[in-house]
mmCIF file of all heavy atoms, coordinates in Angstrom:
data_MODEL
# 
_entry.id   MODEL 
# 
loop_
_atom_site.group_PDB 
_atom_site.id 
_atom_site.type_symbol 
_atom_site.label_atom_id 
_atom_site.label_alt_id 
_atom_site.label_comp_id 
_atom_site.label_asym_id 
_atom_site.label_entity_id 
_atom_site.label_seq_id 
_atom_site.pdbx_PDB_ins_code 
_atom_site.Cartn_x 
_atom_site.Cartn_y 
_atom_site.Cartn_z 
_atom_site.occupancy 
_atom_site.B_iso_or_equiv 
_atom_site.pdbx_formal_charge 
_atom_site.auth_seq_id 
_atom_site.auth_comp_id 
_atom_site.auth_asym_id 
_atom_site.auth_atom_id 
_atom_site.pdbx_PDB_model_num 
ATOM 1   N N   . MET A 1 1  ? 0.838   -1.191 0.000  1.00 0.00 ? 1  MET A N   1 
ATOM 2   C CA  . MET A 1 1  ? 0.000   0.000  0.000  1.00 0.00 ? 1  MET A CA  1 
ATOM 3   C C   . MET A 1 1  ? 0.874   1.242  0.000  1.00 0.00 ? 1  MET A C   1 
ATOM 4   O O   . MET A 1 1  ? 2.048   1.194  0.366  1.00 0.00 ? 1  MET A O   1 
ATOM 5   C CB  . MET A 1 1  ? -0.918  0.029  1.226  1.00 0.00 ? 1  MET A CB  1 
ATOM 6   C CG  . MET A 1 1  ? -0.181  0.082  2.546  1.00 0.00 ? 1  MET A CG  1 
ATOM 7   S SD  . MET A 1 1  ? -1.234  0.396  3.986  1.00 0.00 ? 1  MET A SD  1 
ATOM 8   C CE  . MET A 1 1  ? -1.531  2.145  3.806  1.00 0.00 ? 1  MET A CE  1 
ATOM 9   N N   . THR A 1 2  ? 0.307   2.343  -0.464 1.00 0.00 ? 2  THR A N   1 
ATOM 10  C CA  . THR A 1 2  ? 1.030   3.614  -0.463 1.00 0.00 ? 2  THR A CA  1 
ATOM 11  C C   . THR A 1 2  ? 0.864   4.276  0.895  1.00 0.00 ? 2  THR A C   1 
ATOM 12  O O   . THR A 1 2  ? -0.259  4.489  1.363  1.00 0.00 ? 2  THR A O   1 
ATOM 13  C CB  . THR A 1 2  ? 0.508   4.552  -1.561 1.00 0.00 ? 2  THR A CB  1 
ATOM 14  O OG1 . THR A 1 2  ? 0.687   3.931  -2.833 1.00 0.00 ? 2  THR A OG1 1 
ATOM 15  C CG2 . THR A 1 2  ? 1.248   5.877  -1.539 1.00 0.00 ? 2  THR A CG2 1 
ATOM 16  N N   . TYR A 1 3  ? 1.981   4.565  1.522  1.00 0.00 ? 3  TYR A N   1 
ATOM 17  C CA  . TYR A 1 3  ? 1.959   5.233  2.827  1.00 0.00 ? 3  TYR A CA  1 
ATOM 18  C C   . TYR A 1 3  ? 2.768   6.522  2.708  1.00 0.00 ? 3  TYR A C   1 
ATOM 19  O O   . TYR A 1 3  ? 3.821   6.543  2.065  1.00 0.00 ? 3  TYR A O   1 
ATOM 20  C CB  . TYR A 1 3  ? 2.557   4.341  3.910  1.00 0.00 ? 3  TYR A CB  1 
ATOM 21  C CG  . TYR A 1 3  ? 2.350   4.883  5.302  1.00 0.00 ? 3  TYR A CG  1 
ATOM 22  C CD1 . TYR A 1 3  ? 1.153   4.689  5.969  1.00 0.00 ? 3  TYR A CD1 1 
ATOM 23  C CD2 . TYR A 1 3  ? 3.339   5.613  5.943  1.00 0.00 ? 3  TYR A CD2 1 
ATOM 24  C CE1 . TYR A 1 3  ? 0.940   5.197  7.241  1.00 0.00 ? 3  TYR A CE1 1 
ATOM 25  C CE2 . TYR A 1 3  ? 3.159   6.123  7.217  1.00 0.00 ? 3  TYR A CE2 1 
ATOM 26  C CZ  . TYR A 1 3  ? 1.955   5.907  7.862  1.00 0.00 ? 3  TYR A CZ  1 
ATOM 27  O OH  . TYR A 1 3  ? 1.748   6.434  9.124  1.00 0.00 ? 3  TYR A OH  1 
ATOM 28  N N   . THR A 1 4  ? 2.272   7.582  3.330  1.00 0.00 ? 4  THR A N   1 
ATOM 29  C CA  . THR A 1 4  ? 2.932   8.882  3.263  1.00 0.00 ? 4  THR A CA  1 
ATOM 30  C C   . THR A 1 4  ? 3.484   9.248  4.623  1.00 0.00 ? 4  THR A C   1 
ATOM 31  O O   . THR A 1 4  ? 2.780   9.161  5.634  1.00 0.00 ? 4  THR A O   1 
ATOM 32  C CB  . THR A 1 4  ? 1.946   9.968  2.804  1.00 0.00 ? 4  THR A CB  1 
ATOM 33  O OG1 . THR A 1 4  ? 1.465   9.643  1.489  1.00 0.00 ? 4  THR A OG1 1 
ATOM 34  C CG2 . THR A 1 4  ? 2.613   11.338 2.758  1.00 0.00 ? 4  THR A CG2 1 
ATOM 35  N N   . THR A 1 5  ? 4.737   9.652  4.655  1.00 0.00 ? 5  THR A N   1 
ATOM 36  C CA  . THR A 1 5  ? 5.322   10.177 5.886  1.00 0.00 ? 5  THR A CA  1 
ATOM 37  C C   . THR A 1 5  ? 5.450   11.688 5.772  1.00 0.00 ? 5  THR A C   1 
ATOM 38  O O   . THR A 1 5  ? 5.670   12.236 4.686  1.00 0.00 ? 5  THR A O   1 
ATOM 39  C CB  . THR A 1 5  ? 6.699   9.563  6.179  1.00 0.00 ? 5  THR A CB  1 
ATOM 40  O OG1 . THR A 1 5  ? 7.556   9.744  5.038  1.00 0.00 ? 5  THR A OG1 1 
ATOM 41  C CG2 . THR A 1 5  ? 6.578   8.094  6.499  1.00 0.00 ? 5  THR A CG2 1 
ATOM 42  N N   . TRP A 1 6  ? 5.284   12.351 6.905  1.00 0.00 ? 6  TRP A N   1 
ATOM 43  C CA  . TRP A 1 6  ? 5.471   13.800 6.975  1.00 0.00 ? 6  TRP A CA  1 
ATOM 44  C C   . TRP A 1 6  ? 6.917   14.082 7.353  1.00 0.00 ? 6  TRP A C   1 
ATOM 45  O O   . TRP A 1 6  ? 7.409   13.593 8.367  1.00 0.00 ? 6  TRP A O   1 
ATOM 46  C CB  . TRP A 1 6  ? 4.547   14.416 8.026  1.00 0.00 ? 6  TRP A CB  1 
ATOM 47  C CG  . TRP A 1 6  ? 3.087   14.278 7.732  1.00 0.00 ? 6  TRP A CG  1 
ATOM 48  C CD1 . TRP A 1 6  ? 2.170   13.555 8.426  1.00 0.00 ? 6  TRP A CD1 1 
ATOM 49  C CD2 . TRP A 1 6  ? 2.354   14.918 6.673  1.00 0.00 ? 6  TRP A CD2 1 
ATOM 50  N NE1 . TRP A 1 6  ? 0.926   13.684 7.864  1.00 0.00 ? 6  TRP A NE1 1 
ATOM 51  C CE2 . TRP A 1 6  ? 1.006   14.516 6.793  1.00 0.00 ? 6  TRP A CE2 1 
ATOM 52  C CE3 . TRP A 1 6  ? 2.723   15.778 5.633  1.00 0.00 ? 6  TRP A CE3 1 
ATOM 53  C CZ2 . TRP A 1 6  ? 0.016   14.949 5.909  1.00 0.00 ? 6  TRP A CZ2 1 
ATOM 54  C CZ3 . TRP A 1 6  ? 1.734   16.211 4.757  1.00 0.00 ? 6  TRP A CZ3 1 
ATOM 55  C CH2 . TRP A 1 6  ? 0.408   15.811 4.900  1.00 0.00 ? 6  TRP A CH2 1 
ATOM 56  N N   . GLN A 1 7  ? 7.588   14.879 6.533  1.00 0.00 ? 7  GLN A N   1 
ATOM 57  C CA  . GLN A 1 7  ? 8.988   15.214 6.753  1.00 0.00 ? 7  GLN A CA  1 
ATOM 58  C C   . GLN A 1 7  ? 9.099   16.678 7.200  1.00 0.00 ? 7  GLN A C   1 
ATOM 59  O O   . GLN A 1 7  ? 8.482   17.567 6.612  1.00 0.00 ? 7  GLN A O   1 
ATOM 60  C CB  . GLN A 1 7  ? 9.791   15.039 5.463  1.00 0.00 ? 7  GLN A CB  1 
ATOM 61  C CG  . GLN A 1 7  ? 9.666   13.675 4.812  1.00 0.00 ? 7  GLN A CG  1 
ATOM 62  C CD  . GLN A 1 7  ? 10.677  12.689 5.332  1.00 0.00 ? 7  GLN A CD  1 
ATOM 63  O OE1 . GLN A 1 7  ? 10.441  11.489 5.313  1.00 0.00 ? 7  GLN A OE1 1 
ATOM 64  N NE2 . GLN A 1 7  ? 11.816  13.188 5.796  1.00 0.00 ? 7  GLN A NE2 1 
ATOM 65  N N   . LEU A 1 8  ? 9.899   16.902 8.226  1.00 0.00 ? 8  LEU A N   1 
ATOM 66  C CA  . LEU A 1 8  ? 10.260  18.254 8.652  1.00 0.00 ? 8  LEU A CA  1 
ATOM 67  C C   . LEU A 1 8  ? 11.761  18.371 8.472  1.00 0.00 ? 8  LEU A C   1 
ATOM 68  O O   . LEU A 1 8  ? 12.538  17.898 9.297  1.00 0.00 ? 8  LEU A O   1 
ATOM 69  C CB  . LEU A 1 8  ? 9.859   18.483 10.115 1.00 0.00 ? 8  LEU A CB  1 
ATOM 70  C CG  . LEU A 1 8  ? 10.099  19.884 10.682 1.00 0.00 ? 8  LEU A CG  1 
ATOM 71  C CD1 . LEU A 1 8  ? 9.219   20.914 9.979  1.00 0.00 ? 8  LEU A CD1 1 
ATOM 72  C CD2 . LEU A 1 8  ? 9.845   19.918 12.182 1.00 0.00 ? 8  LEU A CD2 1 
ATOM 73  N N   . GLY A 1 9  ? 12.161  18.963 7.354  1.00 0.00 ? 9  GLY A N   1 
ATOM 74  C CA  . GLY A 1 9  ? 13.572  18.908 6.992  1.00 0.00 ? 9  GLY A CA  1 
ATOM 75  C C   . GLY A 1 9  ? 13.934  17.468 6.674  1.00 0.00 ? 9  GLY A C   1 
ATOM 76  O O   . GLY A 1 9  ? 13.288  16.819 5.857  1.00 0.00 ? 9  GLY A O   1 
ATOM 77  N N   . ASP A 1 10 ? 14.934  16.941 7.371  1.00 0.00 ? 10 ASP A N   1 
ATOM 78  C CA  . ASP A 1 10 ? 15.343  15.562 7.122  1.00 0.00 ? 10 ASP A CA  1 
ATOM 79  C C   . ASP A 1 10 ? 14.783  14.590 8.158  1.00 0.00 ? 10 ASP A C   1 
ATOM 80  O O   . ASP A 1 10 ? 15.180  13.429 8.206  1.00 0.00 ? 10 ASP A O   1 
ATOM 81  C CB  . ASP A 1 10 ? 16.874  15.455 7.095  1.00 0.00 ? 10 ASP A CB  1 
ATOM 82  C CG  . ASP A 1 10 ? 17.519  15.917 8.403  1.00 0.00 ? 10 ASP A CG  1 
ATOM 83  O OD1 . ASP A 1 10 ? 16.789  16.385 9.302  1.00 0.00 ? 10 ASP A OD1 1 
ATOM 84  O OD2 . ASP A 1 10 ? 18.753  15.813 8.526  1.00 0.00 ? 10 ASP A OD2 1 
ATOM 85  N N   . ARG A 1 11 ? 13.833  15.056 8.990  1.00 0.00 ? 11 ARG A N   1 
ATOM 86  C CA  . ARG A 1 11 ? 13.261  14.196 10.026 1.00 0.00 ? 11 ARG A CA  1 
ATOM 87  C C   . ARG A 1 11 ? 11.840  13.793 9.664  1.00 0.00 ? 11 ARG A C   1 
ATOM 88  O O   . ARG A 1 11 ? 11.064  14.600 9.146  1.00 0.00 ? 11 ARG A O   1 
ATOM 89  C CB  . ARG A 1 11 ? 13.239  14.910 11.381 1.00 0.00 ? 11 ARG A CB  1 
ATOM 90  C CG  . ARG A 1 11 ? 14.624  15.174 11.951 1.00 0.00 ? 11 ARG A CG  1 
ATOM 91  C CD  . ARG A 1 11 ? 14.535  15.616 13.411 1.00 0.00 ? 11 ARG A CD  1 
ATOM 92  N NE  . ARG A 1 11 ? 13.668  16.776 13.565 1.00 0.00 ? 11 ARG A NE  1 
ATOM 93  C CZ  . ARG A 1 11 ? 12.545  16.775 14.269 1.00 0.00 ? 11 ARG A CZ  1 
ATOM 94  N NH1 . ARG A 1 11 ? 12.107  15.674 14.856 1.00 0.00 ? 11 ARG A NH1 1 
ATOM 95  N NH2 . ARG A 1 11 ? 11.832  17.885 14.387 1.00 0.00 ? 11 ARG A NH2 1 
ATOM 96  N N   . VAL A 1 12 ? 11.476  12.552 9.977  1.00 0.00 ? 12 VAL A N   1 
ATOM 97  C CA  . VAL A 1 12 ? 10.102  12.089 9.846  1.00 0.00 ? 12 VAL A CA  1 
ATOM 98  C C   . VAL A 1 12 ? 9.369   12.422 11.143 1.00 0.00 ? 12 VAL A C   1 
ATOM 99  O O   . VAL A 1 12 ? 9.830   12.052 12.232 1.00 0.00 ? 12 VAL A O   1 
ATOM 100 C CB  . VAL A 1 12 ? 10.053  10.577 9.576  1.00 0.00 ? 12 VAL A CB  1 
ATOM 101 C CG1 . VAL A 1 12 ? 8.614   10.084 9.545  1.00 0.00 ? 12 VAL A CG1 1 
ATOM 102 C CG2 . VAL A 1 12 ? 10.754  10.245 8.271  1.00 0.00 ? 12 VAL A CG2 1 
ATOM 103 N N   . VAL A 1 13 ? 8.224   13.108 11.056 1.00 0.00 ? 13 VAL A N   1 
ATOM 104 C CA  . VAL A 1 13 ? 7.504   13.531 12.258 1.00 0.00 ? 13 VAL A CA  1 
ATOM 105 C C   . VAL A 1 13 ? 6.095   12.946 12.357 1.00 0.00 ? 13 VAL A C   1 
ATOM 106 O O   . VAL A 1 13 ? 5.404   13.171 13.355 1.00 0.00 ? 13 VAL A O   1 
ATOM 107 C CB  . VAL A 1 13 ? 7.428   15.075 12.339 1.00 0.00 ? 13 VAL A CB  1 
ATOM 108 C CG1 . VAL A 1 13 ? 8.826   15.671 12.483 1.00 0.00 ? 13 VAL A CG1 1 
ATOM 109 C CG2 . VAL A 1 13 ? 6.714   15.661 11.128 1.00 0.00 ? 13 VAL A CG2 1 
ATOM 110 N N   . GLY A 1 14 ? 5.639   12.203 11.353 1.00 0.00 ? 14 GLY A N   1 
ATOM 111 C CA  . GLY A 1 14 ? 4.304   11.614 11.411 1.00 0.00 ? 14 GLY A CA  1 
ATOM 112 C C   . GLY A 1 14 ? 3.980   10.927 10.107 1.00 0.00 ? 14 GLY A C   1 
ATOM 113 O O   . GLY A 1 14 ? 4.832   10.781 9.221  1.00 0.00 ? 14 GLY A O   1 
ATOM 114 N N   . GLY A 1 15 ? 2.731   10.474 10.000 1.00 0.00 ? 15 GLY A N   1 
ATOM 115 C CA  . GLY A 1 15 ? 2.329   9.746  8.810  1.00 0.00 ? 15 GLY A CA  1 
ATOM 116 C C   . GLY A 1 15 ? 0.938   10.115 8.339  1.00 0.00 ? 15 GLY A C   1 
ATOM 117 O O   . GLY A 1 15 ? 0.202   10.850 9.016  1.00 0.00 ? 15 GLY A O   1 
ATOM 118 N N   . MET A 1 16 ? 0.576   9.607  7.162  1.00 0.00 ? 16 MET A N   1 
ATOM 119 C CA  . MET A 1 16 ? -0.749  9.834  6.592  1.00 0.00 ? 16 MET A CA  1 
ATOM 120 C C   . MET A 1 16 ? -1.175  8.622  5.795  1.00 0.00 ? 16 MET A C   1 
ATOM 121 O O   . MET A 1 16 ? -0.373  8.054  5.038  1.00 0.00 ? 16 MET A O   1 
ATOM 122 C CB  . MET A 1 16 ? -0.753  11.077 5.687  1.00 0.00 ? 16 MET A CB  1 
ATOM 123 C CG  . MET A 1 16 ? -2.082  11.344 5.001  1.00 0.00 ? 16 MET A CG  1 
ATOM 124 S SD  . MET A 1 16 ? -2.139  12.898 4.065  1.00 0.00 ? 16 MET A SD  1 
ATOM 125 C CE  . MET A 1 16 ? -0.925  12.596 2.772  1.00 0.00 ? 16 MET A CE  1 
ATOM 126 N N   . ILE A 1 17 ? -2.430  8.223  5.952  1.00 0.00 ? 17 ILE A N   1 
ATOM 127 C CA  . ILE A 1 17 ? -3.013  7.172  5.130  1.00 0.00 ? 17 ILE A CA  1 
ATOM 128 C C   . ILE A 1 17 ? -4.261  7.724  4.446  1.00 0.00 ? 17 ILE A C   1 
ATOM 129 O O   . ILE A 1 17 ? -4.966  8.578  4.999  1.00 0.00 ? 17 ILE A O   1 
ATOM 130 C CB  . ILE A 1 17 ? -3.371  5.923  5.952  1.00 0.00 ? 17 ILE A CB  1 
ATOM 131 C CG1 . ILE A 1 17 ? -4.308  6.260  7.113  1.00 0.00 ? 17 ILE A CG1 1 
ATOM 132 C CG2 . ILE A 1 17 ? -2.120  5.233  6.459  1.00 0.00 ? 17 ILE A CG2 1 
ATOM 133 C CD1 . ILE A 1 17 ? -4.808  5.047  7.856  1.00 0.00 ? 17 ILE A CD1 1 
ATOM 134 N N   . ALA A 1 18 ? -4.503  7.243  3.240  1.00 0.00 ? 18 ALA A N   1 
ATOM 135 C CA  . ALA A 1 18 ? -5.703  7.634  2.493  1.00 0.00 ? 18 ALA A CA  1 
ATOM 136 C C   . ALA A 1 18 ? -6.852  6.723  2.888  1.00 0.00 ? 18 ALA A C   1 
ATOM 137 O O   . ALA A 1 18 ? -6.700  5.489  2.928  1.00 0.00 ? 18 ALA A O   1 
ATOM 138 C CB  . ALA A 1 18 ? -5.443  7.545  0.990  1.00 0.00 ? 18 ALA A CB  1 
ATOM 139 N N   . MET A 1 19 ? -8.000  7.313  3.186  1.00 0.00 ? 19 MET A N   1 
ATOM 140 C CA  . MET A 1 19 ? -9.195  6.543  3.541  1.00 0.00 ? 19 MET A CA  1 
ATOM 141 C C   . MET A 1 19 ? -9.910  6.140  2.252  1.00 0.00 ? 19 MET A C   1 
ATOM 142 O O   . MET A 1 19 ? -10.445 6.985  1.541  1.00 0.00 ? 19 MET A O   1 
ATOM 143 C CB  . MET A 1 19 ? -10.115 7.379  4.433  1.00 0.00 ? 19 MET A CB  1 
ATOM 144 C CG  . MET A 1 19 ? -9.453  7.839  5.719  1.00 0.00 ? 19 MET A CG  1 
ATOM 145 S SD  . MET A 1 19 ? -10.473 9.023  6.656  1.00 0.00 ? 19 MET A SD  1 
ATOM 146 C CE  . MET A 1 19 ? -11.799 7.945  7.244  1.00 0.00 ? 19 MET A CE  1 
ATOM 147 N N   . GLY A 1 20 ? -9.876  4.856  1.945  1.00 0.00 ? 20 GLY A N   1 
ATOM 148 C CA  . GLY A 1 20 ? -10.501 4.361  0.725  1.00 0.00 ? 20 GLY A CA  1 
ATOM 149 C C   . GLY A 1 20 ? -11.925 3.898  0.945  1.00 0.00 ? 20 GLY A C   1 
ATOM 150 O O   . GLY A 1 20 ? -12.549 4.160  1.987  1.00 0.00 ? 20 GLY A O   1 
ATOM 151 N N   . ASP A 1 21 ? -12.444 3.155  -0.026 1.00 0.00 ? 21 ASP A N   1 
ATOM 152 C CA  . ASP A 1 21 ? -13.830 2.675  0.046  1.00 0.00 ? 21 ASP A CA  1 
ATOM 153 C C   . ASP A 1 21 ? -14.041 1.648  1.148  1.00 0.00 ? 21 ASP A C   1 
ATOM 154 O O   . ASP A 1 21 ? -15.185 1.375  1.534  1.00 0.00 ? 21 ASP A O   1 
ATOM 155 C CB  . ASP A 1 21 ? -14.244 2.063  -1.299 1.00 0.00 ? 21 ASP A CB  1 
ATOM 156 C CG  . ASP A 1 21 ? -14.279 3.094  -2.423 1.00 0.00 ? 21 ASP A CG  1 
ATOM 157 O OD1 . ASP A 1 21 ? -14.421 4.291  -2.093 1.00 0.00 ? 21 ASP A OD1 1 
ATOM 158 O OD2 . ASP A 1 21 ? -14.165 2.710  -3.590 1.00 0.00 ? 21 ASP A OD2 1 
ATOM 159 N N   . ASP A 1 22 ? -12.943 1.072  1.663  1.00 0.00 ? 22 ASP A N   1 
ATOM 160 C CA  . ASP A 1 22 ? -13.085 0.083  2.729  1.00 0.00 ? 22 ASP A CA  1 
ATOM 161 C C   . ASP A 1 22 ? -13.328 0.721  4.088  1.00 0.00 ? 22 ASP A C   1 
ATOM 162 O O   . ASP A 1 22 ? -13.644 0.036  5.064  1.00 0.00 ? 22 ASP A O   1 
ATOM 163 C CB  . ASP A 1 22 ? -11.843 -0.809 2.788  1.00 0.00 ? 22 ASP A CB  1 
ATOM 164 C CG  . ASP A 1 22 ? -10.555 -0.004 2.925  1.00 0.00 ? 22 ASP A CG  1 
ATOM 165 O OD1 . ASP A 1 22 ? -10.508 1.137  2.422  1.00 0.00 ? 22 ASP A OD1 1 
ATOM 166 O OD2 . ASP A 1 22 ? -9.595  -0.507 3.525  1.00 0.00 ? 22 ASP A OD2 1 
ATOM 167 N N   . TRP A 1 23 ? -13.194 2.050  4.172  1.00 0.00 ? 23 TRP A N   1 
ATOM 168 C CA  . TRP A 1 23 ? -13.484 2.751  5.421  1.00 0.00 ? 23 TRP A CA  1 
ATOM 169 C C   . TRP A 1 23 ? -14.988 3.022  5.511  1.00 0.00 ? 23 TRP A C   1 
ATOM 170 O O   . TRP A 1 23 ? -15.591 3.487  4.543  1.00 0.00 ? 23 TRP A O   1 
ATOM 171 C CB  . TRP A 1 23 ? -12.737 4.079  5.482  1.00 0.00 ? 23 TRP A CB  1 
ATOM 172 C CG  . TRP A 1 23 ? -11.265 3.932  5.755  1.00 0.00 ? 23 TRP A CG  1 
ATOM 173 C CD1 . TRP A 1 23 ? -10.303 3.507  4.891  1.00 0.00 ? 23 TRP A CD1 1 
ATOM 174 C CD2 . TRP A 1 23 ? -10.596 4.224  6.979  1.00 0.00 ? 23 TRP A CD2 1 
ATOM 175 N NE1 . TRP A 1 23 ? -9.075  3.521  5.486  1.00 0.00 ? 23 TRP A NE1 1 
ATOM 176 C CE2 . TRP A 1 23 ? -9.213  3.958  6.773  1.00 0.00 ? 23 TRP A CE2 1 
ATOM 177 C CE3 . TRP A 1 23 ? -11.004 4.705  8.228  1.00 0.00 ? 23 TRP A CE3 1 
ATOM 178 C CZ2 . TRP A 1 23 ? -8.261  4.145  7.775  1.00 0.00 ? 23 TRP A CZ2 1 
ATOM 179 C CZ3 . TRP A 1 23 ? -10.056 4.887  9.214  1.00 0.00 ? 23 TRP A CZ3 1 
ATOM 180 C CH2 . TRP A 1 23 ? -8.699  4.607  8.991  1.00 0.00 ? 23 TRP A CH2 1 
ATOM 181 N N   . PRO A 1 24 ? -15.616 2.772  6.656  1.00 0.00 ? 24 PRO A N   1 
ATOM 182 C CA  . PRO A 1 24 ? -17.044 3.106  6.804  1.00 0.00 ? 24 PRO A CA  1 
ATOM 183 C C   . PRO A 1 24 ? -17.268 4.596  6.556  1.00 0.00 ? 24 PRO A C   1 
ATOM 184 O O   . PRO A 1 24 ? -16.482 5.438  7.022  1.00 0.00 ? 24 PRO A O   1 
ATOM 185 C CB  . PRO A 1 24 ? -17.345 2.733  8.260  1.00 0.00 ? 24 PRO A CB  1 
ATOM 186 C CG  . PRO A 1 24 ? -16.309 1.731  8.626  1.00 0.00 ? 24 PRO A CG  1 
ATOM 187 C CD  . PRO A 1 24 ? -15.070 2.129  7.865  1.00 0.00 ? 24 PRO A CD  1 
# 
């Protein structure tokens, strides 16, 4: 699956997932 990380400069500070049709 495609997963997105949030970058602040060269550091990873969090993540993001896309809510698809499988989400209620």
